[in-house]
Every structure is written in structure tokens, then in C-alpha cells.
Amino acid sequence: MNLSCRIILPLLWLCMLPGMAHAENDSRILALSPHVCEMLYAIGAAPRIVGAVSYCDYPADALTLPRVGSYKGIRVEAALRLKPDLAIASSEHVKGLMQLKKAGVKIIISNPRRFEDIFHDMLTLGALTGHRQEAATLVRQQRKRLARVRQHAISQRRVFYELWPDPLLTVGKSGFINTLISEAGGHNVFADIPLETPRVNIEAVIKARPDMIIIPLEKRNIQQRQRFWNKWLGKQHVHVAGVDPDLLHRPGPRLIDGLEILQRILNQPWP
């Protein structure tokens, strides 16, 4: 089926649908991505959420939401029992999404790749849920914080981002984490690779000469990874720091928190 015939509406399109915002103010929403869940809570629209997926765990109240699936797919029958009329997902390819559409649930895709995309999606969700003012206030605050970060982007440290240790994955030019490193003032040593999550080897990292290694603390021990990289790169030549992956891997309202933390790491002095 041609995509233009489906009821899958990227949030970018919704500004061109003047009747949509009013119609969705009392919607029953399935938040099918952690960043969507966080956006809805951040703008005060949590009462609209009737179901969520795994890893929708922030804020703490989100843990009480009924679960209807994970990133692998949606349990359609469980989702429909919640009587949703709107589902917001990060990709149209999520398993089960088409069944929801066929059952009459409107599908919206939110997959922001830049801060401006995040701000746009939060504003649009505000319009959809009747929380336009709250969303506008949040975006205004975040724009100010982003401007401050850009003013202090002075580090220029060479960064290797260890997305995953085995196989060794990092971030390339097309990933938004590459953008975060640049916004914070650093230089991603693999920014020339035109992939989002390229696989690299230890020799390539050594050749790239990073002086900072950032490790998301997801199923990893920072001390073990620090010993590993000190062995290969030398303790005196590289600094290893851990970050909360939820703050850097979710394109939602807490991404600005992650960016500020990343900048503090890059700007801190060390021997």
C-alpha cells in the first residue's frame, strides 16, 4: 500500500491539519516509545496515556502504565482492550502498528533527529492534547538552555563514544549522538563515517587518537572499561567517563540534561 494512503502522520505534517488539534484533545493515547512517554509527561498530558511499552520508565509514575509491547512489537489485542484512538510510535515499521491502524487507531510517527525536531514534536503534542501553553513554556526554557550550551562549546576534545563494547560500536555522522558531541564542543573521532552506528575495531580507535572516551552505563562497569582502554591507549593519554544512556539516547525533554552533562565532562580539566 502506498504510504500516502495510510493514516501514519509524521508530526511535521500535523501543523497543516488545522482540525486535528481540537479533535485529539480528549484522545486516549498509546505511547509506543520512551521518548514519547517522557514528552507527554513533560507537557502535562500524562492523563491522556492509556498504555505504554517497555522502557517507558520516566518519570516514576510511568511505571504504573499498562504495557502493550516493546521495541520488538505491539501486543495488538492488549493494546485494543485499552480502547485507544491515537498511537504515537518512533517508526512505522513497529510490528503490530498496521493492525492498530486497521482497527481504527490513528498512528503518528515521532522520530526527531535534531533539537529543532524535538521542540517541534513537543509543541505539536501540546496542540494535540490541549497542553499547548505548557509545551510552549517547556520549549522556550529548553531553547535558552541550548543557547547557553552553545556559548560554552569550547572543548574541542577528541571523543570516542563507545556505544557498545562487543561488537565494538560507535556513532557516525548520521547519528544524533554525533550532533550532541559537536553541540557540547567535542569532536567525534568517527564523524566522517556516513553511518549511524558503525562497527569499528580497537586498531581504528588507537589510530583515531581520542583523548576522551564516553561510555553509556548500560550493562557495563565503568571501572572495567577504563582499565580496558587504559591498557590500549595509555592512562596518561585518555580520560574515560560514564554517562546515563537514557539522557543521551532518548530524543525527548531530558536530552538537554544529557547535553549539559556531556559538556561538563568535556570541559573538566584533568592531568
C-alpha atoms as a PDB file:
ATOM      1  CA  MET A   1       0.000   0.000   0.000  1.00  0.00           C
ATOM      2  CA  ASN A   2       1.283   3.475  -0.826  1.00  0.00           C
ATOM      3  CA  LEU A   3       2.369   5.374   2.275  1.00  0.00           C
ATOM      4  CA  SER A   4       0.239   8.360   1.299  1.00  0.00           C
ATOM      5  CA  CYS A   5      -2.871   6.201   1.707  1.00  0.00           C
ATOM      6  CA  ARG A   6      -2.102   5.202   5.268  1.00  0.00           C
ATOM      7  CA  ILE A   7      -3.120   7.009   8.432  1.00  0.00           C
ATOM      8  CA  ILE A   8       0.506   7.386   9.505  1.00  0.00           C
ATOM      9  CA  LEU A   9       1.153  11.052  10.074  1.00  0.00           C
ATOM     10  CA  PRO A  10       4.637  12.330  10.907  1.00  0.00           C
ATOM     11  CA  LEU A  11       4.289  15.102  13.454  1.00  0.00           C
ATOM     12  CA  LEU A  12       5.698  17.525  10.903  1.00  0.00           C
ATOM     13  CA  TRP A  13       2.509  17.208   8.883  1.00  0.00           C
ATOM     14  CA  LEU A  14       0.130  17.954  11.719  1.00  0.00           C
ATOM     15  CA  CYS A  15       0.684  21.693  11.561  1.00  0.00           C
ATOM     16  CA  MET A  16      -1.026  21.556   8.183  1.00  0.00           C
ATOM     17  CA  LEU A  17      -4.130  19.894   9.640  1.00  0.00           C
ATOM     18  CA  PRO A  18      -5.987  22.687  11.464  1.00  0.00           C
ATOM     19  CA  GLY A  19      -8.810  20.491  12.716  1.00  0.00           C
ATOM     20  CA  MET A  20      -6.575  17.835  14.181  1.00  0.00           C
ATOM     21  CA  ALA A  21      -5.505  19.569  17.394  1.00  0.00           C
ATOM     22  CA  HIS A  22      -9.032  20.178  18.643  1.00  0.00           C
ATOM     23  CA  ALA A  23     -10.153  16.673  17.680  1.00  0.00           C
ATOM     24  CA  GLU A  24      -7.382  14.991  19.680  1.00  0.00           C
ATOM     25  CA  ASN A  25      -7.682  16.990  22.919  1.00  0.00           C
ATOM     26  CA  ASP A  26      -9.500  14.127  24.656  1.00  0.00           C
ATOM     27  CA  SER A  27      -7.663  11.275  22.929  1.00  0.00           C
ATOM     28  CA  ARG A  28      -6.736   8.003  24.599  1.00  0.00           C
ATOM     29  CA  ILE A  29      -3.069   7.665  23.684  1.00  0.00           C
ATOM     30  CA  LEU A  30      -0.695   4.730  23.377  1.00  0.00           C
ATOM     31  CA  ALA A  31       2.855   5.994  23.991  1.00  0.00           C
ATOM     32  CA  LEU A  32       4.849   3.463  21.988  1.00  0.00           C
ATOM     33  CA  SER A  33       8.323   4.893  22.585  1.00  0.00           C
ATOM     34  CA  PRO A  34      10.079   6.022  25.776  1.00  0.00           C
ATOM     35  CA  HIS A  35      10.779   9.495  24.412  1.00  0.00           C
ATOM     36  CA  VAL A  36       7.103   9.961  23.518  1.00  0.00           C
ATOM     37  CA  CYS A  37       6.102   8.944  27.023  1.00  0.00           C
ATOM     38  CA  GLU A  38       8.536  11.458  28.508  1.00  0.00           C
ATOM     39  CA  MET A  39       7.309  14.223  26.213  1.00  0.00           C
ATOM     40  CA  LEU A  40       3.679  13.668  27.206  1.00  0.00           C
ATOM     41  CA  TYR A  41       4.531  13.728  30.908  1.00  0.00           C
ATOM     42  CA  ALA A  42       6.714  16.806  30.499  1.00  0.00           C
ATOM     43  CA  ILE A  43       3.903  18.860  28.942  1.00  0.00           C
ATOM     44  CA  GLY A  44       1.288  17.695  31.459  1.00  0.00           C
ATOM     45  CA  ALA A  45      -0.531  15.318  29.123  1.00  0.00           C
ATOM     46  CA  ALA A  46       0.070  12.142  31.146  1.00  0.00           C
ATOM     47  CA  PRO A  47      -3.674  11.645  31.848  1.00  0.00           C
ATOM     48  CA  ARG A  48      -4.144  11.004  28.110  1.00  0.00           C
ATOM     49  CA  ILE A  49      -1.804   7.983  28.172  1.00  0.00           C
ATOM     50  CA  VAL A  50      -3.645   4.660  28.479  1.00  0.00           C
ATOM     51  CA  GLY A  51      -0.778   2.341  27.555  1.00  0.00           C
ATOM     52  CA  ALA A  52       2.971   2.265  27.018  1.00  0.00           C
ATOM     53  CA  VAL A  53       5.834  -0.039  26.067  1.00  0.00           C
ATOM     54  CA  SER A  54       8.904  -1.414  27.807  1.00  0.00           C
ATOM     55  CA  TYR A  55      11.476   1.171  28.886  1.00  0.00           C
ATOM     56  CA  CYS A  56       8.795   3.825  29.361  1.00  0.00           C
ATOM     57  CA  ASP A  57      10.150   4.280  32.864  1.00  0.00           C
ATOM     58  CA  TYR A  58      10.417   8.021  33.418  1.00  0.00           C
ATOM     59  CA  PRO A  59       9.050   9.706  35.417  1.00  0.00           C
ATOM     60  CA  ALA A  60       8.386   7.102  38.101  1.00  0.00           C
ATOM     61  CA  ASP A  61       4.623   7.367  37.590  1.00  0.00           C
ATOM     62  CA  ALA A  62       5.107   5.970  34.081  1.00  0.00           C
ATOM     63  CA  LEU A  63       5.996   2.612  35.610  1.00  0.00           C
ATOM     64  CA  THR A  64       2.328   2.135  36.533  1.00  0.00           C
ATOM     65  CA  LEU A  65       1.114   2.399  32.924  1.00  0.00           C
ATOM     66  CA  PRO A  66      -0.245  -0.790  31.295  1.00  0.00           C
ATOM     67  CA  ARG A  67       2.352  -2.362  28.993  1.00  0.00           C
ATOM     68  CA  VAL A  68       1.331  -3.272  25.470  1.00  0.00           C
ATOM     69  CA  GLY A  69       4.652  -4.316  23.966  1.00  0.00           C
ATOM     70  CA  SER A  70       8.279  -3.369  23.451  1.00  0.00           C
ATOM     71  CA  TYR A  71      10.594  -2.156  20.713  1.00  0.00           C
ATOM     72  CA  LYS A  72      10.133  -5.606  19.133  1.00  0.00           C
ATOM     73  CA  GLY A  73       6.427  -5.132  18.593  1.00  0.00           C
ATOM     74  CA  ILE A  74       2.969  -4.367  19.950  1.00  0.00           C
ATOM     75  CA  ARG A  75       0.611  -6.872  21.557  1.00  0.00           C
ATOM     76  CA  VAL A  76      -2.344  -5.775  19.494  1.00  0.00           C
ATOM     77  CA  GLU A  77      -5.144  -7.398  21.490  1.00  0.00           C
ATOM     78  CA  ALA A  78      -3.829  -5.981  24.760  1.00  0.00           C
ATOM     79  CA  ALA A  79      -3.488  -2.561  23.167  1.00  0.00           C
ATOM     80  CA  LEU A  80      -7.010  -2.545  21.745  1.00  0.00           C
ATOM     81  CA  ARG A  81      -8.515  -3.547  25.105  1.00  0.00           C
ATOM     82  CA  LEU A  82      -7.395  -0.114  26.341  1.00  0.00           C
ATOM     83  CA  LYS A  83      -9.654   1.499  23.696  1.00  0.00           C
ATOM     84  CA  PRO A  84      -7.033   3.885  22.255  1.00  0.00           C
ATOM     85  CA  ASP A  85      -7.818   6.231  19.406  1.00  0.00           C
ATOM     86  CA  LEU A  86      -4.266   7.520  18.931  1.00  0.00           C
ATOM     87  CA  ALA A  87      -0.881   5.760  18.979  1.00  0.00           C
ATOM     88  CA  ILE A  88       2.453   7.553  18.779  1.00  0.00           C
ATOM     89  CA  ALA A  89       5.456   5.459  17.734  1.00  0.00           C
ATOM     90  CA  SER A  90       9.047   6.123  16.670  1.00  0.00           C
ATOM     91  CA  SER A  91       8.771   4.106  13.440  1.00  0.00           C
ATOM     92  CA  GLU A  92       6.055   2.956  11.079  1.00  0.00           C
ATOM     93  CA  HIS A  93       7.774  -0.432  10.984  1.00  0.00           C
ATOM     94  CA  VAL A  94       6.957  -1.401  14.580  1.00  0.00           C
ATOM     95  CA  LYS A  95       5.341  -4.833  14.449  1.00  0.00           C
ATOM     96  CA  GLY A  96       1.606  -4.617  15.130  1.00  0.00           C
ATOM     97  CA  LEU A  97       1.243  -0.961  14.198  1.00  0.00           C
ATOM     98  CA  MET A  98      -0.633  -1.728  10.974  1.00  0.00           C
ATOM     99  CA  GLN A  99      -3.129  -3.896  12.864  1.00  0.00           C
ATOM    100  CA  LEU A 100      -3.843  -0.964  15.168  1.00  0.00           C
ATOM    101  CA  LYS A 101      -4.356   1.246  12.127  1.00  0.00           C
ATOM    102  CA  LYS A 102      -6.769  -1.266  10.583  1.00  0.00           C
ATOM    103  CA  ALA A 103      -8.711  -1.279  13.856  1.00  0.00           C
ATOM    104  CA  GLY A 104      -9.253   2.466  13.547  1.00  0.00           C
ATOM    105  CA  VAL A 105      -6.417   3.811  15.699  1.00  0.00           C
ATOM    106  CA  LYS A 106      -4.716   6.891  14.266  1.00  0.00           C
ATOM    107  CA  ILE A 107      -0.951   6.450  14.025  1.00  0.00           C
ATOM    108  CA  ILE A 108       1.549   9.274  14.433  1.00  0.00           C
ATOM    109  CA  ILE A 109       5.306   8.901  13.966  1.00  0.00           C
ATOM    110  CA  SER A 110       7.730  10.857  16.158  1.00  0.00           C
ATOM    111  CA  ASN A 111      11.372  10.260  15.266  1.00  0.00           C
ATOM    112  CA  PRO A 112      13.231  13.524  15.967  1.00  0.00           C
ATOM    113  CA  ARG A 113      16.834  13.731  14.801  1.00  0.00           C
ATOM    114  CA  ARG A 114      17.761  17.246  15.952  1.00  0.00           C
ATOM    115  CA  PHE A 115      16.839  19.559  18.812  1.00  0.00           C
ATOM    116  CA  GLU A 116      14.581  21.539  16.477  1.00  0.00           C
ATOM    117  CA  ASP A 117      12.730  18.305  15.664  1.00  0.00           C
ATOM    118  CA  ILE A 118      12.302  17.587  19.375  1.00  0.00           C
ATOM    119  CA  PHE A 119      10.969  21.085  20.022  1.00  0.00           C
ATOM    120  CA  HIS A 120       8.600  20.769  17.064  1.00  0.00           C
ATOM    121  CA  ASP A 121       7.244  17.411  18.267  1.00  0.00           C
ATOM    122  CA  MET A 122       6.687  18.687  21.807  1.00  0.00           C
ATOM    123  CA  LEU A 123       4.795  21.712  20.505  1.00  0.00           C
ATOM    124  CA  THR A 124       2.676  19.516  18.249  1.00  0.00           C
ATOM    125  CA  LEU A 125       1.888  17.088  21.065  1.00  0.00           C
ATOM    126  CA  GLY A 126       0.882  20.090  23.149  1.00  0.00           C
ATOM    127  CA  ALA A 127      -1.574  21.127  20.442  1.00  0.00           C
ATOM    128  CA  LEU A 128      -2.895  17.582  20.078  1.00  0.00           C
ATOM    129  CA  THR A 129      -3.543  17.118  23.797  1.00  0.00           C
ATOM    130  CA  GLY A 130      -4.763  20.556  24.813  1.00  0.00           C
ATOM    131  CA  HIS A 131      -1.468  21.447  26.520  1.00  0.00           C
ATOM    132  CA  ARG A 132      -0.243  23.999  24.017  1.00  0.00           C
ATOM    133  CA  GLN A 133       0.867  26.541  26.652  1.00  0.00           C
ATOM    134  CA  GLU A 134       2.757  24.003  28.765  1.00  0.00           C
ATOM    135  CA  ALA A 135       4.590  22.729  25.694  1.00  0.00           C
ATOM    136  CA  ALA A 136       5.455  26.264  24.584  1.00  0.00           C
ATOM    137  CA  THR A 137       6.855  27.104  28.019  1.00  0.00           C
ATOM    138  CA  LEU A 138       8.949  23.930  28.078  1.00  0.00           C
ATOM    139  CA  VAL A 139      10.352  24.554  24.599  1.00  0.00           C
ATOM    140  CA  ARG A 140      11.159  28.170  25.449  1.00  0.00           C
ATOM    141  CA  GLN A 141      13.103  27.056  28.532  1.00  0.00           C
ATOM    142  CA  GLN A 142      14.964  24.394  26.589  1.00  0.00           C
ATOM    143  CA  ARG A 143      15.908  26.788  23.807  1.00  0.00           C
ATOM    144  CA  LYS A 144      17.528  29.061  26.406  1.00  0.00           C
ATOM    145  CA  ARG A 145      19.484  26.150  27.878  1.00  0.00           C
ATOM    146  CA  LEU A 146      20.609  25.029  24.424  1.00  0.00           C
ATOM    147  CA  ALA A 147      21.804  28.559  23.664  1.00  0.00           C
ATOM    148  CA  ARG A 148      23.890  28.555  26.860  1.00  0.00           C
ATOM    149  CA  VAL A 149      25.456  25.224  25.923  1.00  0.00           C
ATOM    150  CA  ARG A 150      26.393  26.561  22.501  1.00  0.00           C
ATOM    151  CA  GLN A 151      28.016  29.602  24.093  1.00  0.00           C
ATOM    152  CA  HIS A 152      30.281  27.326  26.148  1.00  0.00           C
ATOM    153  CA  ALA A 153      31.136  24.813  23.411  1.00  0.00           C
ATOM    154  CA  ILE A 154      34.883  25.375  23.696  1.00  0.00           C
ATOM    155  CA  SER A 155      36.408  21.972  24.489  1.00  0.00           C
ATOM    156  CA  GLN A 156      37.335  20.586  21.043  1.00  0.00           C
ATOM    157  CA  ARG A 157      38.399  17.348  22.718  1.00  0.00           C
ATOM    158  CA  ARG A 158      38.590  14.308  20.502  1.00  0.00           C
ATOM    159  CA  VAL A 159      35.814  11.936  21.598  1.00  0.00           C
ATOM    160  CA  PHE A 160      35.300   8.230  21.072  1.00  0.00           C
ATOM    161  CA  TYR A 161      31.753   7.234  22.029  1.00  0.00           C
ATOM    162  CA  GLU A 162      31.631   3.558  22.956  1.00  0.00           C
ATOM    163  CA  LEU A 163      28.049   2.792  22.047  1.00  0.00           C
ATOM    164  CA  TRP A 164      28.573  -0.935  22.691  1.00  0.00           C
ATOM    165  CA  PRO A 165      31.681  -2.935  23.672  1.00  0.00           C
ATOM    166  CA  ASP A 166      31.228  -6.286  21.899  1.00  0.00           C
ATOM    167  CA  PRO A 167      30.986  -5.922  18.996  1.00  0.00           C
ATOM    168  CA  LEU A 168      32.614  -2.528  19.324  1.00  0.00           C
ATOM    169  CA  LEU A 169      30.094   0.034  18.076  1.00  0.00           C
ATOM    170  CA  THR A 170      30.339   3.794  17.968  1.00  0.00           C
ATOM    171  CA  VAL A 171      28.398   6.703  16.451  1.00  0.00           C
ATOM    172  CA  GLY A 172      28.931   8.069  12.965  1.00  0.00           C
ATOM    173  CA  LYS A 173      27.982  11.151  11.029  1.00  0.00           C
ATOM    174  CA  SER A 174      24.252  10.432  10.695  1.00  0.00           C
ATOM    175  CA  GLY A 175      23.564   9.704  14.376  1.00  0.00           C
ATOM    176  CA  PHE A 176      22.123  12.387  16.627  1.00  0.00           C
ATOM    177  CA  ILE A 177      24.702  11.496  19.308  1.00  0.00           C
ATOM    178  CA  ASN A 178      27.304  12.806  16.882  1.00  0.00           C
ATOM    179  CA  THR A 179      25.355  16.065  16.867  1.00  0.00           C
ATOM    180  CA  LEU A 180      25.321  16.118  20.678  1.00  0.00           C
ATOM    181  CA  ILE A 181      29.102  15.712  20.837  1.00  0.00           C
ATOM    182  CA  SER A 182      29.515  18.608  18.426  1.00  0.00           C
ATOM    183  CA  GLU A 183      26.973  20.789  20.246  1.00  0.00           C
ATOM    184  CA  ALA A 184      28.832  20.191  23.527  1.00  0.00           C
ATOM    185  CA  GLY A 185      32.090  21.326  21.942  1.00  0.00           C
ATOM    186  CA  GLY A 186      33.755  17.993  21.250  1.00  0.00           C
ATOM    187  CA  HIS A 187      34.878  16.285  18.059  1.00  0.00           C
ATOM    188  CA  ASN A 188      33.669  12.763  17.342  1.00  0.00           C
ATOM    189  CA  VAL A 189      36.709  10.905  16.002  1.00  0.00           C
ATOM    190  CA  PHE A 190      34.461   8.814  13.740  1.00  0.00           C
ATOM    191  CA  ALA A 191      32.288  11.666  12.480  1.00  0.00           C
ATOM    192  CA  ASP A 192      33.491  11.023   8.925  1.00  0.00           C
ATOM    193  CA  ILE A 193      31.779   7.609   8.765  1.00  0.00           C
ATOM    194  CA  PRO A 194      28.411   8.100   6.988  1.00  0.00           C
ATOM    195  CA  LEU A 195      26.565   5.609   9.209  1.00  0.00           C
ATOM    196  CA  GLU A 196      24.564   5.980  12.393  1.00  0.00           C
ATOM    197  CA  THR A 197      26.166   3.165  14.435  1.00  0.00           C
ATOM    198  CA  PRO A 198      29.289   1.893  12.646  1.00  0.00           C
ATOM    199  CA  ARG A 199      31.266  -1.092  13.856  1.00  0.00           C
ATOM    200  CA  VAL A 200      34.954  -0.355  14.470  1.00  0.00           C
ATOM    201  CA  ASN A 201      37.952  -2.215  15.835  1.00  0.00           C
ATOM    202  CA  ILE A 202      40.477  -1.382  18.524  1.00  0.00           C
ATOM    203  CA  GLU A 203      43.140  -0.553  15.954  1.00  0.00           C
ATOM    204  CA  ALA A 204      40.857   2.084  14.404  1.00  0.00           C
ATOM    205  CA  VAL A 205      40.271   3.669  17.813  1.00  0.00           C
ATOM    206  CA  ILE A 206      44.013   3.771  18.527  1.00  0.00           C
ATOM    207  CA  LYS A 207      44.633   5.361  15.129  1.00  0.00           C
ATOM    208  CA  ALA A 208      41.900   7.959  15.752  1.00  0.00           C
ATOM    209  CA  ARG A 209      43.790   9.211  18.854  1.00  0.00           C
ATOM    210  CA  PRO A 210      40.848  10.133  21.141  1.00  0.00           C
ATOM    211  CA  ASP A 211      41.634  11.939  24.368  1.00  0.00           C
ATOM    212  CA  MET A 212      38.161  11.293  25.787  1.00  0.00           C
ATOM    213  CA  ILE A 213      36.118   8.091  25.806  1.00  0.00           C
ATOM    214  CA  ILE A 214      32.425   8.374  26.706  1.00  0.00           C
ATOM    215  CA  ILE A 215      30.733   5.185  27.861  1.00  0.00           C
ATOM    216  CA  PRO A 216      26.950   4.905  28.349  1.00  0.00           C
ATOM    217  CA  LEU A 217      26.483   2.963  31.565  1.00  0.00           C
ATOM    218  CA  GLU A 218      24.150   0.339  30.153  1.00  0.00           C
ATOM    219  CA  LYS A 219      25.088  -3.161  31.333  1.00  0.00           C
ATOM    220  CA  ARG A 220      28.707  -2.021  31.659  1.00  0.00           C
ATOM    221  CA  ASN A 221      31.136  -1.480  34.506  1.00  0.00           C
ATOM    222  CA  ILE A 222      32.921   1.837  34.068  1.00  0.00           C
ATOM    223  CA  GLN A 223      35.982   0.698  36.030  1.00  0.00           C
ATOM    224  CA  GLN A 224      36.410  -2.372  33.830  1.00  0.00           C
ATOM    225  CA  ARG A 225      36.054  -0.331  30.656  1.00  0.00           C
ATOM    226  CA  GLN A 226      38.504   2.248  31.987  1.00  0.00           C
ATOM    227  CA  ARG A 227      41.105  -0.446  32.650  1.00  0.00           C
ATOM    228  CA  PHE A 228      40.480  -1.854  29.178  1.00  0.00           C
ATOM    229  CA  TRP A 229      41.060   1.448  27.386  1.00  0.00           C
ATOM    230  CA  ASN A 230      43.954   2.479  29.607  1.00  0.00           C
ATOM    231  CA  LYS A 231      45.687  -0.730  28.531  1.00  0.00           C
ATOM    232  CA  TRP A 232      45.308   0.137  24.846  1.00  0.00           C
ATOM    233  CA  LEU A 233      45.594   3.912  24.873  1.00  0.00           C
ATOM    234  CA  GLY A 234      47.602   4.681  27.989  1.00  0.00           C
ATOM    235  CA  LYS A 235      46.266   6.125  31.226  1.00  0.00           C
ATOM    236  CA  GLN A 236      48.050   9.435  30.735  1.00  0.00           C
ATOM    237  CA  HIS A 237      46.647   9.994  27.257  1.00  0.00           C
ATOM    238  CA  VAL A 238      42.905   9.301  27.585  1.00  0.00           C
ATOM    239  CA  HIS A 239      40.142  10.133  30.026  1.00  0.00           C
ATOM    240  CA  VAL A 240      37.197   7.732  30.434  1.00  0.00           C
ATOM    241  CA  ALA A 241      33.798   8.959  31.654  1.00  0.00           C
ATOM    242  CA  GLY A 242      30.411   7.301  32.064  1.00  0.00           C
ATOM    243  CA  VAL A 243      27.034   8.819  31.213  1.00  0.00           C
ATOM    244  CA  ASP A 244      23.411   7.834  31.764  1.00  0.00           C
ATOM    245  CA  PRO A 245      22.270   6.427  28.400  1.00  0.00           C
ATOM    246  CA  ASP A 246      18.668   7.470  28.997  1.00  0.00           C
ATOM    247  CA  LEU A 247      19.792  11.103  28.912  1.00  0.00           C
ATOM    248  CA  LEU A 248      21.622  10.812  25.594  1.00  0.00           C
ATOM    249  CA  HIS A 249      19.844   8.031  23.713  1.00  0.00           C
ATOM    250  CA  ARG A 250      16.255   9.267  24.052  1.00  0.00           C
ATOM    251  CA  PRO A 251      15.328  12.256  21.854  1.00  0.00           C
ATOM    252  CA  GLY A 252      12.976  13.717  24.423  1.00  0.00           C
ATOM    253  CA  PRO A 253      12.790  16.506  27.018  1.00  0.00           C
ATOM    254  CA  ARG A 254      15.719  15.160  29.089  1.00  0.00           C
ATOM    255  CA  LEU A 255      18.136  15.247  26.157  1.00  0.00           C
ATOM    256  CA  ILE A 256      19.107  18.795  27.107  1.00  0.00           C
ATOM    257  CA  ASP A 257      20.072  17.455  30.560  1.00  0.00           C
ATOM    258  CA  GLY A 258      22.325  14.911  28.885  1.00  0.00           C
ATOM    259  CA  LEU A 259      23.869  17.570  26.656  1.00  0.00           C
ATOM    260  CA  GLU A 260      24.708  19.773  29.646  1.00  0.00           C
ATOM    261  CA  ILE A 261      26.293  16.821  31.472  1.00  0.00           C
ATOM    262  CA  LEU A 262      28.273  15.882  28.360  1.00  0.00           C
ATOM    263  CA  GLN A 263      29.593  19.415  28.083  1.00  0.00           C
ATOM    264  CA  ARG A 264      30.655  19.468  31.746  1.00  0.00           C
ATOM    265  CA  ILE A 265      32.566  16.218  31.156  1.00  0.00           C
ATOM    266  CA  LEU A 266      34.296  17.642  28.082  1.00  0.00           C
ATOM    267  CA  ASN A 267      35.178  20.920  29.782  1.00  0.00           C
ATOM    268  CA  GLN A 268      36.529  19.472  33.016  1.00  0.00           C
ATOM    269  CA  PRO A 269      40.306  19.657  33.453  1.00  0.00           C
ATOM    270  CA  TRP A 270      42.376  16.542  34.038  1.00  0.00           C
ATOM    271  CA  PRO A 271      46.113  15.868  34.173  1.00  0.00           C
END
